[in-house]
PDB file of N, CA and C in Angstrom:
ATOM      1  N   MET A   1       2.581  -2.440 -30.507  1.00  0.00           N
ATOM      2  CA  MET A   1       2.227  -2.595 -29.105  1.00  0.00           C
ATOM      3  C   MET A   1       3.434  -2.236 -28.238  1.00  0.00           C
ATOM      4  N   ASP A   2       3.162  -1.655 -27.113  1.00  0.00           N
ATOM      5  CA  ASP A   2       4.192  -1.207 -26.178  1.00  0.00           C
ATOM      6  C   ASP A   2       4.805  -2.404 -25.458  1.00  0.00           C
ATOM      7  N   THR A   3       6.117  -2.437 -25.379  1.00  0.00           N
ATOM      8  CA  THR A   3       6.790  -3.568 -24.729  1.00  0.00           C
ATOM      9  C   THR A   3       6.452  -3.655 -23.244  1.00  0.00           C
ATOM     10  N   ASP A   4       6.228  -2.507 -22.596  1.00  0.00           N
ATOM     11  CA  ASP A   4       5.848  -2.538 -21.181  1.00  0.00           C
ATOM     12  C   ASP A   4       4.510  -3.242 -20.996  1.00  0.00           C
ATOM     13  N   ASN A   5       3.580  -2.981 -21.900  1.00  0.00           N
ATOM     14  CA  ASN A   5       2.273  -3.650 -21.824  1.00  0.00           C
ATOM     15  C   ASN A   5       2.418  -5.149 -22.071  1.00  0.00           C
ATOM     16  N   ILE A   6       3.300  -5.523 -22.971  1.00  0.00           N
ATOM     17  CA  ILE A   6       3.523  -6.943 -23.255  1.00  0.00           C
ATOM     18  C   ILE A   6       4.088  -7.637 -22.024  1.00  0.00           C
ATOM     19  N   ILE A   7       5.099  -7.040 -21.407  1.00  0.00           N
ATOM     20  CA  ILE A   7       5.710  -7.617 -20.209  1.00  0.00           C
ATOM     21  C   ILE A   7       4.681  -7.714 -19.081  1.00  0.00           C
ATOM     22  N   ASP A   8       3.873  -6.659 -18.900  1.00  0.00           N
ATOM     23  CA  ASP A   8       2.845  -6.692 -17.857  1.00  0.00           C
ATOM     24  C   ASP A   8       1.827  -7.792 -18.123  1.00  0.00           C
ATOM     25  N   SER A   9       1.411  -7.931 -19.359  1.00  0.00           N
ATOM     26  CA  SER A   9       0.443  -8.973 -19.715  1.00  0.00           C
ATOM     27  C   SER A   9       1.021 -10.369 -19.499  1.00  0.00           C
ATOM     28  N   LEU A  10       2.273 -10.556 -19.902  1.00  0.00           N
ATOM     29  CA  LEU A  10       2.916 -11.849 -19.685  1.00  0.00           C
ATOM     30  C   LEU A  10       3.052 -12.154 -18.195  1.00  0.00           C
ATOM     31  N   SER A  11       3.357 -11.143 -17.409  1.00  0.00           N
ATOM     32  CA  SER A  11       3.486 -11.332 -15.958  1.00  0.00           C
ATOM     33  C   SER A  11       2.150 -11.744 -15.340  1.00  0.00           C
ATOM     34  N   LYS A  12       1.075 -11.093 -15.767  1.00  0.00           N
ATOM     35  CA  LYS A  12      -0.247 -11.439 -15.248  1.00  0.00           C
ATOM     36  C   LYS A  12      -0.630 -12.862 -15.638  1.00  0.00           C
ATOM     37  N   GLU A  13      -0.375 -13.226 -16.893  1.00  0.00           N
ATOM     38  CA  GLU A  13      -0.692 -14.580 -17.340  1.00  0.00           C
ATOM     39  C   GLU A  13       0.156 -15.620 -16.615  1.00  0.00           C
ATOM     40  N   LEU A  14       1.417 -15.284 -16.367  1.00  0.00           N
ATOM     41  CA  LEU A  14       2.305 -16.184 -15.641  1.00  0.00           C
ATOM     42  C   LEU A  14       1.808 -16.393 -14.214  1.00  0.00           C
ATOM     43  N   ASN A  15       1.404 -15.330 -13.562  1.00  0.00           N
ATOM     44  CA  ASN A  15       0.861 -15.413 -12.206  1.00  0.00           C
ATOM     45  C   ASN A  15      -0.407 -16.269 -12.193  1.00  0.00           C
ATOM     46  N   PHE A  16      -1.280 -16.064 -13.163  1.00  0.00           N
ATOM     47  CA  PHE A  16      -2.507 -16.849 -13.265  1.00  0.00           C
ATOM     48  C   PHE A  16      -2.192 -18.334 -13.478  1.00  0.00           C
ATOM     49  N   ALA A  17      -1.244 -18.624 -14.363  1.00  0.00           N
ATOM     50  CA  ALA A  17      -0.875 -20.017 -14.655  1.00  0.00           C
ATOM     51  C   ALA A  17      -0.248 -20.691 -13.439  1.00  0.00           C
ATOM     52  N   LEU A  18       0.567 -19.968 -12.688  1.00  0.00           N
ATOM     53  CA  LEU A  18       1.171 -20.540 -11.481  1.00  0.00           C
ATOM     54  C   LEU A  18       0.116 -20.850 -10.420  1.00  0.00           C
ATOM     55  N   LYS A  19      -0.856 -19.959 -10.264  1.00  0.00           N
ATOM     56  CA  LYS A  19      -1.930 -20.214  -9.306  1.00  0.00           C
ATOM     57  C   LYS A  19      -2.754 -21.418  -9.733  1.00  0.00           C
ATOM     58  N   ALA A  20      -3.047 -21.505 -11.037  1.00  0.00           N
ATOM     59  CA  ALA A  20      -3.814 -22.647 -11.538  1.00  0.00           C
ATOM     60  C   ALA A  20      -3.037 -23.942 -11.354  1.00  0.00           C
ATOM     61  N   MET A  21      -1.724 -23.898 -11.569  1.00  0.00           N
ATOM     62  CA  MET A  21      -0.906 -25.093 -11.399  1.00  0.00           C
ATOM     63  C   MET A  21      -0.881 -25.534  -9.938  1.00  0.00           C
ATOM     64  N   SER A  22      -0.859 -24.581  -9.020  1.00  0.00           N
ATOM     65  CA  SER A  22      -0.830 -24.944  -7.603  1.00  0.00           C
ATOM     66  C   SER A  22      -2.149 -25.560  -7.150  1.00  0.00           C
ATOM     67  N   LYS A  23      -3.237 -25.227  -7.834  1.00  0.00           N
ATOM     68  CA  LYS A  23      -4.545 -25.779  -7.474  1.00  0.00           C
ATOM     69  C   LYS A  23      -4.843 -27.102  -8.178  1.00  0.00           C
ATOM     70  N   ALA A  24      -4.045 -27.448  -9.173  1.00  0.00           N
ATOM     71  CA  ALA A  24      -4.295 -28.674  -9.943  1.00  0.00           C
ATOM     72  C   ALA A  24      -4.084 -29.902  -9.056  1.00  0.00           C
ATOM     73  N   LYS A  25      -4.945 -30.887  -9.243  1.00  0.00           N
ATOM     74  CA  LYS A  25      -4.889 -32.109  -8.437  1.00  0.00           C
ATOM     75  C   LYS A  25      -4.192 -33.254  -9.180  1.00  0.00           C
ATOM     76  N   GLU A  26      -4.457 -33.371 -10.467  1.00  0.00           N
ATOM     77  CA  GLU A  26      -3.920 -34.490 -11.237  1.00  0.00           C
ATOM     78  C   GLU A  26      -2.582 -34.129 -11.871  1.00  0.00           C
ATOM     79  N   VAL A  27      -1.762 -35.151 -12.079  1.00  0.00           N
ATOM     80  CA  VAL A  27      -0.429 -34.959 -12.643  1.00  0.00           C
ATOM     81  C   VAL A  27      -0.513 -34.401 -14.065  1.00  0.00           C
ATOM     82  N   ASN A  28      -1.447 -34.904 -14.860  1.00  0.00           N
ATOM     83  CA  ASN A  28      -1.583 -34.429 -16.242  1.00  0.00           C
ATOM     84  C   ASN A  28      -1.948 -32.951 -16.297  1.00  0.00           C
ATOM     85  N   GLU A  29      -2.808 -32.551 -15.382  1.00  0.00           N
ATOM     86  CA  GLU A  29      -3.209 -31.143 -15.325  1.00  0.00           C
ATOM     87  C   GLU A  29      -2.032 -30.271 -14.903  1.00  0.00           C
ATOM     88  N   LYS A  30      -1.248 -30.748 -13.941  1.00  0.00           N
ATOM     89  CA  LYS A  30      -0.049 -30.001 -13.521  1.00  0.00           C
ATOM     90  C   LYS A  30       0.956 -29.896 -14.659  1.00  0.00           C
ATOM     91  N   GLU A  31       1.080 -30.958 -15.456  1.00  0.00           N
ATOM     92  CA  GLU A  31       2.003 -30.935 -16.585  1.00  0.00           C
ATOM     93  C   GLU A  31       1.583 -29.894 -17.623  1.00  0.00           C
ATOM     94  N   VAL A  32       0.300 -29.812 -17.886  1.00  0.00           N
ATOM     95  CA  VAL A  32      -0.208 -28.826 -18.845  1.00  0.00           C
ATOM     96  C   VAL A  32       0.120 -27.416 -18.367  1.00  0.00           C
ATOM     97  N   HIS A  33      -0.135 -27.146 -17.086  1.00  0.00           N
ATOM     98  CA  HIS A  33       0.151 -25.814 -16.546  1.00  0.00           C
ATOM     99  C   HIS A  33       1.651 -25.535 -16.512  1.00  0.00           C
ATOM    100  N   SER A  34       2.450 -26.551 -16.254  1.00  0.00           N
ATOM    101  CA  SER A  34       3.905 -26.329 -16.234  1.00  0.00           C
ATOM    102  C   SER A  34       4.423 -25.991 -17.628  1.00  0.00           C
ATOM    103  N   ARG A  35       3.838 -26.572 -18.654  1.00  0.00           N
ATOM    104  CA  ARG A  35       4.233 -26.214 -20.030  1.00  0.00           C
ATOM    105  C   ARG A  35       3.828 -24.780 -20.360  1.00  0.00           C
ATOM    106  N   ILE A  36       2.664 -24.388 -19.876  1.00  0.00           N
ATOM    107  CA  ILE A  36       2.217 -23.003 -20.085  1.00  0.00           C
ATOM    108  C   ILE A  36       3.177 -22.044 -19.393  1.00  0.00           C
ATOM    109  N   VAL A  37       3.552 -22.363 -18.146  1.00  0.00           N
ATOM    110  CA  VAL A  37       4.495 -21.522 -17.390  1.00  0.00           C
ATOM    111  C   VAL A  37       5.833 -21.437 -18.119  1.00  0.00           C
ATOM    112  N   LYS A  38       6.307 -22.558 -18.612  1.00  0.00           N
ATOM    113  CA  LYS A  38       7.586 -22.591 -19.332  1.00  0.00           C
ATOM    114  C   LYS A  38       7.526 -21.702 -20.567  1.00  0.00           C
ATOM    115  N   ASN A  39       6.451 -21.803 -21.344  1.00  0.00           N
ATOM    116  CA  ASN A  39       6.314 -20.990 -22.554  1.00  0.00           C
ATOM    117  C   ASN A  39       6.213 -19.504 -22.234  1.00  0.00           C
ATOM    118  N   LEU A  40       5.478 -19.165 -21.185  1.00  0.00           N
ATOM    119  CA  LEU A  40       5.370 -17.762 -20.791  1.00  0.00           C
ATOM    120  C   LEU A  40       6.713 -17.208 -20.325  1.00  0.00           C
ATOM    121  N   CYS A  41       7.471 -18.005 -19.581  1.00  0.00           N
ATOM    122  CA  CYS A  41       8.798 -17.569 -19.124  1.00  0.00           C
ATOM    123  C   CYS A  41       9.745 -17.370 -20.300  1.00  0.00           C
ATOM    124  N   GLU A  42       9.697 -18.267 -21.254  1.00  0.00           N
ATOM    125  CA  GLU A  42      10.549 -18.116 -22.436  1.00  0.00           C
ATOM    126  C   GLU A  42      10.155 -16.879 -23.233  1.00  0.00           C
ATOM    127  N   SER A  43       8.856 -16.628 -23.358  1.00  0.00           N
ATOM    128  CA  SER A  43       8.390 -15.439 -24.075  1.00  0.00           C
ATOM    129  C   SER A  43       8.831 -14.172 -23.359  1.00  0.00           C
ATOM    130  N   MET A  44       8.729 -14.169 -22.046  1.00  0.00           N
ATOM    131  CA  MET A  44       9.158 -13.002 -21.284  1.00  0.00           C
ATOM    132  C   MET A  44      10.663 -12.798 -21.424  1.00  0.00           C
ATOM    133  N   GLY A  45      11.409 -13.893 -21.449  1.00  0.00           N
ATOM    134  CA  GLY A  45      12.857 -13.807 -21.623  1.00  0.00           C
ATOM    135  C   GLY A  45      13.238 -13.189 -22.947  1.00  0.00           C
ATOM    136  N   VAL A  46      12.478 -13.489 -23.989  1.00  0.00           N
ATOM    137  CA  VAL A  46      12.746 -12.896 -25.305  1.00  0.00           C
ATOM    138  C   VAL A  46      12.616 -11.379 -25.235  1.00  0.00           C
ATOM    139  N   PHE A  47      11.549 -10.892 -24.633  1.00  0.00           N
ATOM    140  CA  PHE A  47      11.344  -9.448 -24.545  1.00  0.00           C
ATOM    141  C   PHE A  47      12.362  -8.783 -23.633  1.00  0.00           C
ATOM    142  N   LEU A  48      12.740  -9.448 -22.546  1.00  0.00           N
ATOM    143  CA  LEU A  48      13.743  -8.866 -21.658  1.00  0.00           C
ATOM    144  C   LEU A  48      15.114  -8.813 -22.325  1.00  0.00           C
ATOM    145  N   ASN A  49      15.449  -9.835 -23.117  1.00  0.00           N
ATOM    146  CA  ASN A  49      16.714  -9.811 -23.850  1.00  0.00           C
ATOM    147  C   ASN A  49      16.729  -8.703 -24.887  1.00  0.00           C
ATOM    148  N   ILE A  50      15.622  -8.524 -25.580  1.00  0.00           N
ATOM    149  CA  ILE A  50      15.535  -7.443 -26.570  1.00  0.00           C
ATOM    150  C   ILE A  50      15.665  -6.094 -25.886  1.00  0.00           C
ATOM    151  N   ALA A  51      14.996  -5.940 -24.749  1.00  0.00           N
ATOM    152  CA  ALA A  51      15.071  -4.676 -24.016  1.00  0.00           C
ATOM    153  C   ALA A  51      16.492  -4.398 -23.547  1.00  0.00           C
ATOM    154  N   SER A  52      17.196  -5.430 -23.087  1.00  0.00           N
ATOM    155  CA  SER A  52      18.566  -5.214 -22.620  1.00  0.00           C
ATOM    156  C   SER A  52      19.510  -4.890 -23.773  1.00  0.00           C
ATOM    157  N   GLU A  53      19.233  -5.423 -24.947  1.00  0.00           N
ATOM    158  CA  GLU A  53      20.055  -5.096 -26.114  1.00  0.00           C
ATOM    159  C   GLU A  53      19.769  -3.695 -26.626  1.00  0.00           C
ATOM    160  N   MET A  54      18.525  -3.255 -26.499  1.00  0.00           N
ATOM    161  CA  MET A  54      18.158  -1.934 -26.993  1.00  0.00           C
ATOM    162  C   MET A  54      18.612  -0.827 -26.061  1.00  0.00           C
ATOM    163  N   MET A  55      18.695  -1.127 -24.764  1.00  0.00           N
ATOM    164  CA  MET A  55      19.054  -0.115 -23.783  1.00  0.00           C
ATOM    165  C   MET A  55      20.266  -0.549 -22.981  1.00  0.00           C
ATOM    166  N   PRO A  56      21.437  -0.551 -23.593  1.00  0.00           N
ATOM    167  CA  PRO A  56      22.627  -0.945 -22.828  1.00  0.00           C
ATOM    168  C   PRO A  56      22.939   0.092 -21.755  1.00  0.00           C
ATOM    169  N   PHE A  57      23.529  -0.376 -20.680  1.00  0.00           N
ATOM    170  CA  PHE A  57      23.898   0.510 -19.580  1.00  0.00           C
ATOM    171  C   PHE A  57      25.230   1.157 -19.890  1.00  0.00           C
ATOM    172  N   ASP A  58      25.228   2.455 -20.007  1.00  0.00           N
ATOM    173  CA  ASP A  58      26.450   3.200 -20.283  1.00  0.00           C
ATOM    174  C   ASP A  58      26.745   4.140 -19.119  1.00  0.00           C
ATOM    175  N   PHE A  59      27.996   4.112 -18.679  1.00  0.00           N
ATOM    176  CA  PHE A  59      28.419   5.055 -17.659  1.00  0.00           C
ATOM    177  C   PHE A  59      28.707   6.397 -18.311  1.00  0.00           C
ATOM    178  N   ASP A  60      28.408   7.450 -17.585  1.00  0.00           N
ATOM    179  CA  ASP A  60      28.802   8.774 -18.057  1.00  0.00           C
ATOM    180  C   ASP A  60      30.311   8.881 -17.962  1.00  0.00           C
ATOM    181  N   ASP A  61      30.897   9.733 -18.772  1.00  0.00           N
ATOM    182  CA  ASP A  61      32.356   9.860 -18.805  1.00  0.00           C
ATOM    183  C   ASP A  61      32.931  10.332 -17.477  1.00  0.00           C
ATOM    184  N   ASP A  62      32.180  11.126 -16.721  1.00  0.00           N
ATOM    185  CA  ASP A  62      32.736  11.685 -15.499  1.00  0.00           C
ATOM    186  C   ASP A  62      32.456  10.837 -14.257  1.00  0.00           C
ATOM    187  N   LEU A  63      31.845   9.664 -14.398  1.00  0.00           N
ATOM    188  CA  LEU A  63      31.637   8.781 -13.254  1.00  0.00           C
ATOM    189  C   LEU A  63      32.855   7.902 -13.031  1.00  0.00           C
ATOM    190  N   THR A  64      33.147   7.652 -11.759  1.00  0.00           N
ATOM    191  CA  THR A  64      34.214   6.729 -11.394  1.00  0.00           C
ATOM    192  C   THR A  64      33.629   5.627 -10.536  1.00  0.00           C
ATOM    193  N   LYS A  65      34.437   4.635 -10.197  1.00  0.00           N
ATOM    194  CA  LYS A  65      33.968   3.538  -9.359  1.00  0.00           C
ATOM    195  C   LYS A  65      33.513   4.027  -7.999  1.00  0.00           C
ATOM    196  N   GLU A  66      34.089   5.089  -7.497  1.00  0.00           N
ATOM    197  CA  GLU A  66      33.732   5.622  -6.188  1.00  0.00           C
ATOM    198  C   GLU A  66      32.344   6.260  -6.204  1.00  0.00           C
ATOM    199  N   ASP A  67      31.879   6.690  -7.380  1.00  0.00           N
ATOM    200  CA  ASP A  67      30.566   7.311  -7.488  1.00  0.00           C
ATOM    201  C   ASP A  67      29.422   6.307  -7.467  1.00  0.00           C
ATOM    202  N   ILE A  68      29.729   5.043  -7.693  1.00  0.00           N
ATOM    203  CA  ILE A  68      28.699   4.023  -7.753  1.00  0.00           C
ATOM    204  C   ILE A  68      28.508   3.441  -6.366  1.00  0.00           C
ATOM    205  N   PRO A  69      27.282   3.473  -5.810  1.00  0.00           N
ATOM    206  CA  PRO A  69      27.072   3.056  -4.412  1.00  0.00           C
ATOM    207  C   PRO A  69      27.090   1.564  -4.161  1.00  0.00           C
ATOM    208  N   PHE A  70      27.154   0.731  -5.155  1.00  0.00           N
ATOM    209  CA  PHE A  70      27.130  -0.714  -4.918  1.00  0.00           C
ATOM    210  C   PHE A  70      28.377  -1.385  -5.367  1.00  0.00           C
TER     211      PHE A  70
END
């Protein structure tokens, strides 16, 4: 499975869980949704960490600090 699709799916599920948590009335229901949000965030963090390890940012040899706009 494509990592971009995984990240997009996790983002959609996270958005859905946050909306459901905001609509929850009871404390127990909010707790359930908060655990879902926590698990989705941790899962997304795993994929983002893997992506950052697989694609490190490398400067080209001919770039200097003056070439970087930020």
